[in-house]
Amino acid sequence: MLFWKKKKTVKEYDREHYVPVLRVSICTGETTAGFRHKENGQFLEDRLILSSSDLQEFKEDYGITEELETIY
């Protein structure tokens, strides 16, 4: 029996209007990955980051190679 790896597809986001960022709570330290609108600063939450593997998965899912900005 043969098993094939599932192809990983890169999810898309509006790169013209949104920037990927990490939002960190100053009280609890909870980290959330998502996207911030360039013009009005609105944050769109994507996932909770509990470990470095969660962050790596987020970056792989969206094809992000650069370091993410942290907002508080």
PDB file of N, CA and C in Angstrom:
ATOM      1  N   MET A   1       0.847  -1.165   0.000  1.00  0.00           N
ATOM      2  CA  MET A   1       0.000   0.000   0.000  1.00  0.00           C
ATOM      3  C   MET A   1       0.901   1.238   0.000  1.00  0.00           C
ATOM      4  N   LEU A   2       0.575   2.211  -0.832  1.00  0.00           N
ATOM      5  CA  LEU A   2       1.357   3.439  -0.947  1.00  0.00           C
ATOM      6  C   LEU A   2       0.597   4.610  -0.337  1.00  0.00           C
ATOM      7  N   PHE A   3       1.357   5.477   0.288  1.00  0.00           N
ATOM      8  CA  PHE A   3       0.763   6.678   0.855  1.00  0.00           C
ATOM      9  C   PHE A   3       1.419   7.890   0.220  1.00  0.00           C
ATOM     10  N   TRP A   4       0.616   8.829  -0.186  1.00  0.00           N
ATOM     11  CA  TRP A   4       1.136  10.045  -0.792  1.00  0.00           C
ATOM     12  C   TRP A   4       0.971  11.196   0.174  1.00  0.00           C
ATOM     13  N   LYS A   5       1.944  12.081   0.139  1.00  0.00           N
ATOM     14  CA  LYS A   5       1.837  13.285   0.958  1.00  0.00           C
ATOM     15  C   LYS A   5       0.801  14.212   0.361  1.00  0.00           C
ATOM     16  N   LYS A   6       0.064  14.838   1.213  1.00  0.00           N
ATOM     17  CA  LYS A   6      -0.925  15.795   0.770  1.00  0.00           C
ATOM     18  C   LYS A   6      -0.206  17.057   0.306  1.00  0.00           C
ATOM     19  N   LYS A   7      -0.573  17.555  -0.845  1.00  0.00           N
ATOM     20  CA  LYS A   7       0.052  18.775  -1.338  1.00  0.00           C
ATOM     21  C   LYS A   7      -0.370  19.946  -0.474  1.00  0.00           C
ATOM     22  N   LYS A   8       0.615  20.744  -0.087  1.00  0.00           N
ATOM     23  CA  LYS A   8       0.357  21.918   0.743  1.00  0.00           C
ATOM     24  C   LYS A   8       0.095  23.097  -0.191  1.00  0.00           C
ATOM     25  N   THR A   9      -1.077  23.683  -0.095  1.00  0.00           N
ATOM     26  CA  THR A   9      -1.401  24.834  -0.921  1.00  0.00           C
ATOM     27  C   THR A   9      -1.162  26.101  -0.112  1.00  0.00           C
ATOM     28  N   VAL A  10      -0.650  27.101  -0.775  1.00  0.00           N
ATOM     29  CA  VAL A  10      -0.393  28.385  -0.121  1.00  0.00           C
ATOM     30  C   VAL A  10      -1.679  29.200  -0.145  1.00  0.00           C
ATOM     31  N   LYS A  11      -2.113  29.614   1.043  1.00  0.00           N
ATOM     32  CA  LYS A  11      -3.313  30.445   1.150  1.00  0.00           C
ATOM     33  C   LYS A  11      -2.958  31.862   0.705  1.00  0.00           C
ATOM     34  N   GLU A  12      -3.937  32.559   0.208  1.00  0.00           N
ATOM     35  CA  GLU A  12      -3.730  33.917  -0.286  1.00  0.00           C
ATOM     36  C   GLU A  12      -4.332  34.936   0.673  1.00  0.00           C
ATOM     37  N   TYR A  13      -3.703  36.093   0.716  1.00  0.00           N
ATOM     38  CA  TYR A  13      -4.269  37.249   1.415  1.00  0.00           C
ATOM     39  C   TYR A  13      -3.967  38.471   0.565  1.00  0.00           C
ATOM     40  N   ASP A  14      -4.680  39.545   0.778  1.00  0.00           N
ATOM     41  CA  ASP A  14      -4.540  40.765  -0.016  1.00  0.00           C
ATOM     42  C   ASP A  14      -3.249  41.483   0.372  1.00  0.00           C
ATOM     43  N   ARG A  15      -2.169  41.202  -0.339  1.00  0.00           N
ATOM     44  CA  ARG A  15      -0.852  41.768  -0.023  1.00  0.00           C
ATOM     45  C   ARG A  15      -0.792  43.272  -0.265  1.00  0.00           C
ATOM     46  N   GLU A  16      -1.693  43.779  -1.080  1.00  0.00           N
ATOM     47  CA  GLU A  16      -1.722  45.207  -1.377  1.00  0.00           C
ATOM     48  C   GLU A  16      -2.245  46.014  -0.185  1.00  0.00           C
ATOM     49  N   HIS A  17      -3.191  45.435   0.571  1.00  0.00           N
ATOM     50  CA  HIS A  17      -3.831  46.177   1.653  1.00  0.00           C
ATOM     51  C   HIS A  17      -3.511  45.660   3.052  1.00  0.00           C
ATOM     52  N   TYR A  18      -2.996  44.434   3.180  1.00  0.00           N
ATOM     53  CA  TYR A  18      -2.756  43.844   4.489  1.00  0.00           C
ATOM     54  C   TYR A  18      -1.304  43.428   4.681  1.00  0.00           C
ATOM     55  N   VAL A  19      -0.865  43.502   5.948  1.00  0.00           N
ATOM     56  CA  VAL A  19       0.491  43.123   6.338  1.00  0.00           C
ATOM     57  C   VAL A  19       0.370  42.037   7.407  1.00  0.00           C
ATOM     58  N   PRO A  20       1.109  40.923   7.288  1.00  0.00           N
ATOM     59  CA  PRO A  20       1.049  39.907   8.343  1.00  0.00           C
ATOM     60  C   PRO A  20       1.758  40.401   9.610  1.00  0.00           C
ATOM     61  N   VAL A  21       1.124  40.227  10.765  1.00  0.00           N
ATOM     62  CA  VAL A  21       1.680  40.691  12.043  1.00  0.00           C
ATOM     63  C   VAL A  21       1.362  39.685  13.146  1.00  0.00           C
ATOM     64  N   LEU A  22       2.056  39.826  14.263  1.00  0.00           N
ATOM     65  CA  LEU A  22       1.743  39.102  15.493  1.00  0.00           C
ATOM     66  C   LEU A  22       1.184  40.109  16.484  1.00  0.00           C
ATOM     67  N   ARG A  23       0.052  39.798  17.081  1.00  0.00           N
ATOM     68  CA  ARG A  23      -0.522  40.659  18.109  1.00  0.00           C
ATOM     69  C   ARG A  23      -0.317  39.967  19.446  1.00  0.00           C
ATOM     70  N   VAL A  24       0.333  40.670  20.381  1.00  0.00           N
ATOM     71  CA  VAL A  24       0.662  40.101  21.688  1.00  0.00           C
ATOM     72  C   VAL A  24      -0.035  40.923  22.772  1.00  0.00           C
ATOM     73  N   SER A  25      -0.714  40.242  23.674  1.00  0.00           N
ATOM     74  CA  SER A  25      -1.364  40.896  24.800  1.00  0.00           C
ATOM     75  C   SER A  25      -0.310  41.285  25.830  1.00  0.00           C
ATOM     76  N   ILE A  26      -0.337  42.534  26.295  1.00  0.00           N
ATOM     77  CA  ILE A  26       0.640  42.963  27.293  1.00  0.00           C
ATOM     78  C   ILE A  26       0.296  42.416  28.676  1.00  0.00           C
ATOM     79  N   CYS A  27      -0.934  41.995  28.884  1.00  0.00           N
ATOM     80  CA  CYS A  27      -1.336  41.464  30.192  1.00  0.00           C
ATOM     81  C   CYS A  27      -1.030  39.971  30.328  1.00  0.00           C
ATOM     82  N   THR A  28      -1.471  39.200  29.351  1.00  0.00           N
ATOM     83  CA  THR A  28      -1.360  37.744  29.459  1.00  0.00           C
ATOM     84  C   THR A  28      -0.238  37.154  28.616  1.00  0.00           C
ATOM     85  N   GLY A  29       0.248  37.900  27.641  1.00  0.00           N
ATOM     86  CA  GLY A  29       1.286  37.385  26.762  1.00  0.00           C
ATOM     87  C   GLY A  29       0.746  36.515  25.643  1.00  0.00           C
ATOM     88  N   GLU A  30      -0.576  36.436  25.515  1.00  0.00           N
ATOM     89  CA  GLU A  30      -1.190  35.635  24.462  1.00  0.00           C
ATOM     90  C   GLU A  30      -0.805  36.197  23.097  1.00  0.00           C
ATOM     91  N   THR A  31      -0.376  35.327  22.199  1.00  0.00           N
ATOM     92  CA  THR A  31       0.067  35.737  20.869  1.00  0.00           C
ATOM     93  C   THR A  31      -0.917  35.240  19.818  1.00  0.00           C
ATOM     94  N   THR A  32      -1.314  36.141  18.920  1.00  0.00           N
ATOM     95  CA  THR A  32      -2.237  35.825  17.849  1.00  0.00           C
ATOM     96  C   THR A  32      -1.628  36.277  16.532  1.00  0.00           C
ATOM     97  N   ALA A  33      -1.670  35.415  15.536  1.00  0.00           N
ATOM     98  CA  ALA A  33      -1.175  35.764  14.203  1.00  0.00           C
ATOM     99  C   ALA A  33      -2.354  36.194  13.346  1.00  0.00           C
ATOM    100  N   GLY A  34      -2.103  37.191  12.510  1.00  0.00           N
ATOM    101  CA  GLY A  34      -3.154  37.676  11.636  1.00  0.00           C
ATOM    102  C   GLY A  34      -2.631  38.739  10.702  1.00  0.00           C
ATOM    103  N   PHE A  35      -3.531  39.584  10.244  1.00  0.00           N
ATOM    104  CA  PHE A  35      -3.178  40.593   9.254  1.00  0.00           C
ATOM    105  C   PHE A  35      -3.717  41.951   9.677  1.00  0.00           C
ATOM    106  N   ARG A  36      -2.884  42.994   9.505  1.00  0.00           N
ATOM    107  CA  ARG A  36      -3.259  44.365   9.843  1.00  0.00           C
ATOM    108  C   ARG A  36      -3.442  45.144   8.553  1.00  0.00           C
ATOM    109  N   HIS A  37      -4.553  45.876   8.464  1.00  0.00           N
ATOM    110  CA  HIS A  37      -4.835  46.709   7.296  1.00  0.00           C
ATOM    111  C   HIS A  37      -3.856  47.878   7.295  1.00  0.00           C
ATOM    112  N   LYS A  38      -3.256  48.174   6.164  1.00  0.00           N
ATOM    113  CA  LYS A  38      -2.230  49.220   6.072  1.00  0.00           C
ATOM    114  C   LYS A  38      -2.781  50.614   6.333  1.00  0.00           C
ATOM    115  N   GLU A  39      -4.011  50.875   5.936  1.00  0.00           N
ATOM    116  CA  GLU A  39      -4.563  52.223   6.044  1.00  0.00           C
ATOM    117  C   GLU A  39      -5.242  52.507   7.381  1.00  0.00           C
ATOM    118  N   ASN A  40      -6.115  51.609   7.830  1.00  0.00           N
ATOM    119  CA  ASN A  40      -6.879  51.903   9.041  1.00  0.00           C
ATOM    120  C   ASN A  40      -6.441  51.099  10.268  1.00  0.00           C
ATOM    121  N   GLY A  41      -5.506  50.169  10.126  1.00  0.00           N
ATOM    122  CA  GLY A  41      -4.978  49.427  11.259  1.00  0.00           C
ATOM    123  C   GLY A  41      -5.864  48.311  11.783  1.00  0.00           C
ATOM    124  N   GLN A  42      -6.954  47.998  11.087  1.00  0.00           N
ATOM    125  CA  GLN A  42      -7.848  46.933  11.514  1.00  0.00           C
ATOM    126  C   GLN A  42      -7.096  45.600  11.513  1.00  0.00           C
ATOM    127  N   PHE A  43      -7.273  44.802  12.571  1.00  0.00           N
ATOM    128  CA  PHE A  43      -6.591  43.525  12.701  1.00  0.00           C
ATOM    129  C   PHE A  43      -7.551  42.388  12.385  1.00  0.00           C
ATOM    130  N   LEU A  44      -7.153  41.501  11.466  1.00  0.00           N
ATOM    131  CA  LEU A  44      -7.926  40.313  11.142  1.00  0.00           C
ATOM    132  C   LEU A  44      -7.203  39.117  11.737  1.00  0.00           C
ATOM    133  N   GLU A  45      -7.798  38.501  12.740  1.00  0.00           N
ATOM    134  CA  GLU A  45      -7.189  37.382  13.450  1.00  0.00           C
ATOM    135  C   GLU A  45      -7.252  36.113  12.601  1.00  0.00           C
ATOM    136  N   ASP A  46      -6.150  35.359  12.573  1.00  0.00           N
ATOM    137  CA  ASP A  46      -6.135  34.101  11.836  1.00  0.00           C
ATOM    138  C   ASP A  46      -6.013  32.910  12.774  1.00  0.00           C
ATOM    139  N   ARG A  47      -5.025  32.936  13.692  1.00  0.00           N
ATOM    140  CA  ARG A  47      -4.859  31.798  14.599  1.00  0.00           C
ATOM    141  C   ARG A  47      -4.085  32.174  15.842  1.00  0.00           C
ATOM    142  N   LEU A  48      -4.307  31.382  16.880  1.00  0.00           N
ATOM    143  CA  LEU A  48      -3.611  31.529  18.147  1.00  0.00           C
ATOM    144  C   LEU A  48      -2.257  30.839  18.036  1.00  0.00           C
ATOM    145  N   ILE A  49      -1.214  31.496  18.510  1.00  0.00           N
ATOM    146  CA  ILE A  49       0.135  30.939  18.466  1.00  0.00           C
ATOM    147  C   ILE A  49       0.498  30.462  19.870  1.00  0.00           C
ATOM    148  N   LEU A  50       0.627  29.148  20.030  1.00  0.00           N
ATOM    149  CA  LEU A  50       0.982  28.574  21.322  1.00  0.00           C
ATOM    150  C   LEU A  50       2.433  28.117  21.369  1.00  0.00           C
ATOM    151  N   SER A  51       3.027  27.881  20.206  1.00  0.00           N
ATOM    152  CA  SER A  51       4.414  27.427  20.163  1.00  0.00           C
ATOM    153  C   SER A  51       5.064  27.927  18.878  1.00  0.00           C
ATOM    154  N   SER A  52       6.367  27.730  18.782  1.00  0.00           N
ATOM    155  CA  SER A  52       7.082  28.159  17.578  1.00  0.00           C
ATOM    156  C   SER A  52       6.643  27.358  16.355  1.00  0.00           C
ATOM    157  N   SER A  53       6.186  26.134  16.564  1.00  0.00           N
ATOM    158  CA  SER A  53       5.702  25.342  15.423  1.00  0.00           C
ATOM    159  C   SER A  53       4.408  25.930  14.859  1.00  0.00           C
ATOM    160  N   ASP A  54       3.568  26.513  15.717  1.00  0.00           N
ATOM    161  CA  ASP A  54       2.347  27.183  15.241  1.00  0.00           C
ATOM    162  C   ASP A  54       2.705  28.383  14.368  1.00  0.00           C
ATOM    163  N   LEU A  55       3.703  29.139  14.783  1.00  0.00           N
ATOM    164  CA  LEU A  55       4.148  30.295  14.013  1.00  0.00           C
ATOM    165  C   LEU A  55       4.722  29.852  12.669  1.00  0.00           C
ATOM    166  N   GLN A  56       5.526  28.798  12.687  1.00  0.00           N
ATOM    167  CA  GLN A  56       6.114  28.284  11.447  1.00  0.00           C
ATOM    168  C   GLN A  56       5.024  27.800  10.496  1.00  0.00           C
ATOM    169  N   GLU A  57       4.008  27.147  11.015  1.00  0.00           N
ATOM    170  CA  GLU A  57       2.892  26.666  10.196  1.00  0.00           C
ATOM    171  C   GLU A  57       2.132  27.839   9.572  1.00  0.00           C
ATOM    172  N   PHE A  58       1.908  28.904  10.352  1.00  0.00           N
ATOM    173  CA  PHE A  58       1.247  30.098   9.841  1.00  0.00           C
ATOM    174  C   PHE A  58       2.039  30.685   8.669  1.00  0.00           C
ATOM    175  N   LYS A  59       3.356  30.802   8.851  1.00  0.00           N
ATOM    176  CA  LYS A  59       4.206  31.362   7.795  1.00  0.00           C
ATOM    177  C   LYS A  59       4.204  30.478   6.549  1.00  0.00           C
ATOM    178  N   GLU A  60       4.234  29.163   6.732  1.00  0.00           N
ATOM    179  CA  GLU A  60       4.204  28.246   5.598  1.00  0.00           C
ATOM    180  C   GLU A  60       2.869  28.289   4.869  1.00  0.00           C
ATOM    181  N   ASP A  61       1.773  28.386   5.625  1.00  0.00           N
ATOM    182  CA  ASP A  61       0.438  28.417   5.019  1.00  0.00           C
ATOM    183  C   ASP A  61       0.259  29.604   4.088  1.00  0.00           C
ATOM    184  N   TYR A  62       0.842  30.748   4.435  1.00  0.00           N
ATOM    185  CA  TYR A  62       0.669  31.963   3.645  1.00  0.00           C
ATOM    186  C   TYR A  62       1.904  32.333   2.826  1.00  0.00           C
ATOM    187  N   GLY A  63       2.939  31.513   2.846  1.00  0.00           N
ATOM    188  CA  GLY A  63       4.139  31.783   2.057  1.00  0.00           C
ATOM    189  C   GLY A  63       4.903  33.003   2.541  1.00  0.00           C
ATOM    190  N   ILE A  64       4.948  33.218   3.847  1.00  0.00           N
ATOM    191  CA  ILE A  64       5.619  34.375   4.430  1.00  0.00           C
ATOM    192  C   ILE A  64       7.051  33.979   4.775  1.00  0.00           C
ATOM    193  N   THR A  65       8.009  34.765   4.286  1.00  0.00           N
ATOM    194  CA  THR A  65       9.416  34.465   4.551  1.00  0.00           C
ATOM    195  C   THR A  65      10.057  35.496   5.468  1.00  0.00           C
ATOM    196  N   GLU A  66       9.517  36.704   5.503  1.00  0.00           N
ATOM    197  CA  GLU A  66      10.126  37.767   6.312  1.00  0.00           C
ATOM    198  C   GLU A  66       9.708  37.660   7.778  1.00  0.00           C
ATOM    199  N   GLU A  67      10.441  38.357   8.633  1.00  0.00           N
ATOM    200  CA  GLU A  67      10.131  38.408  10.059  1.00  0.00           C
ATOM    201  C   GLU A  67       8.834  39.213  10.251  1.00  0.00           C
ATOM    202  N   LEU A  68       7.980  38.771  11.170  1.00  0.00           N
ATOM    203  CA  LEU A  68       6.696  39.433  11.386  1.00  0.00           C
ATOM    204  C   LEU A  68       6.833  40.558  12.411  1.00  0.00           C
ATOM    205  N   GLU A  69       6.133  41.647  12.141  1.00  0.00           N
ATOM    206  CA  GLU A  69       6.066  42.773  13.074  1.00  0.00           C
ATOM    207  C   GLU A  69       5.186  42.369  14.264  1.00  0.00           C
ATOM    208  N   THR A  70       5.546  42.835  15.447  1.00  0.00           N
ATOM    209  CA  THR A  70       4.756  42.554  16.654  1.00  0.00           C
ATOM    210  C   THR A  70       4.045  43.824  17.084  1.00  0.00           C
ATOM    211  N   ILE A  71       2.731  43.717  17.287  1.00  0.00           N
ATOM    212  CA  ILE A  71       1.934  44.849  17.779  1.00  0.00           C
ATOM    213  C   ILE A  71       1.360  44.456  19.132  1.00  0.00           C
ATOM    214  N   TYR A  72       1.159  45.463  19.994  1.00  0.00           N
ATOM    215  CA  TYR A  72       0.658  45.223  21.344  1.00  0.00           C
ATOM    216  C   TYR A  72      -0.686  45.854  21.553  1.00  0.00           C
TER     217      TYR A  72
END
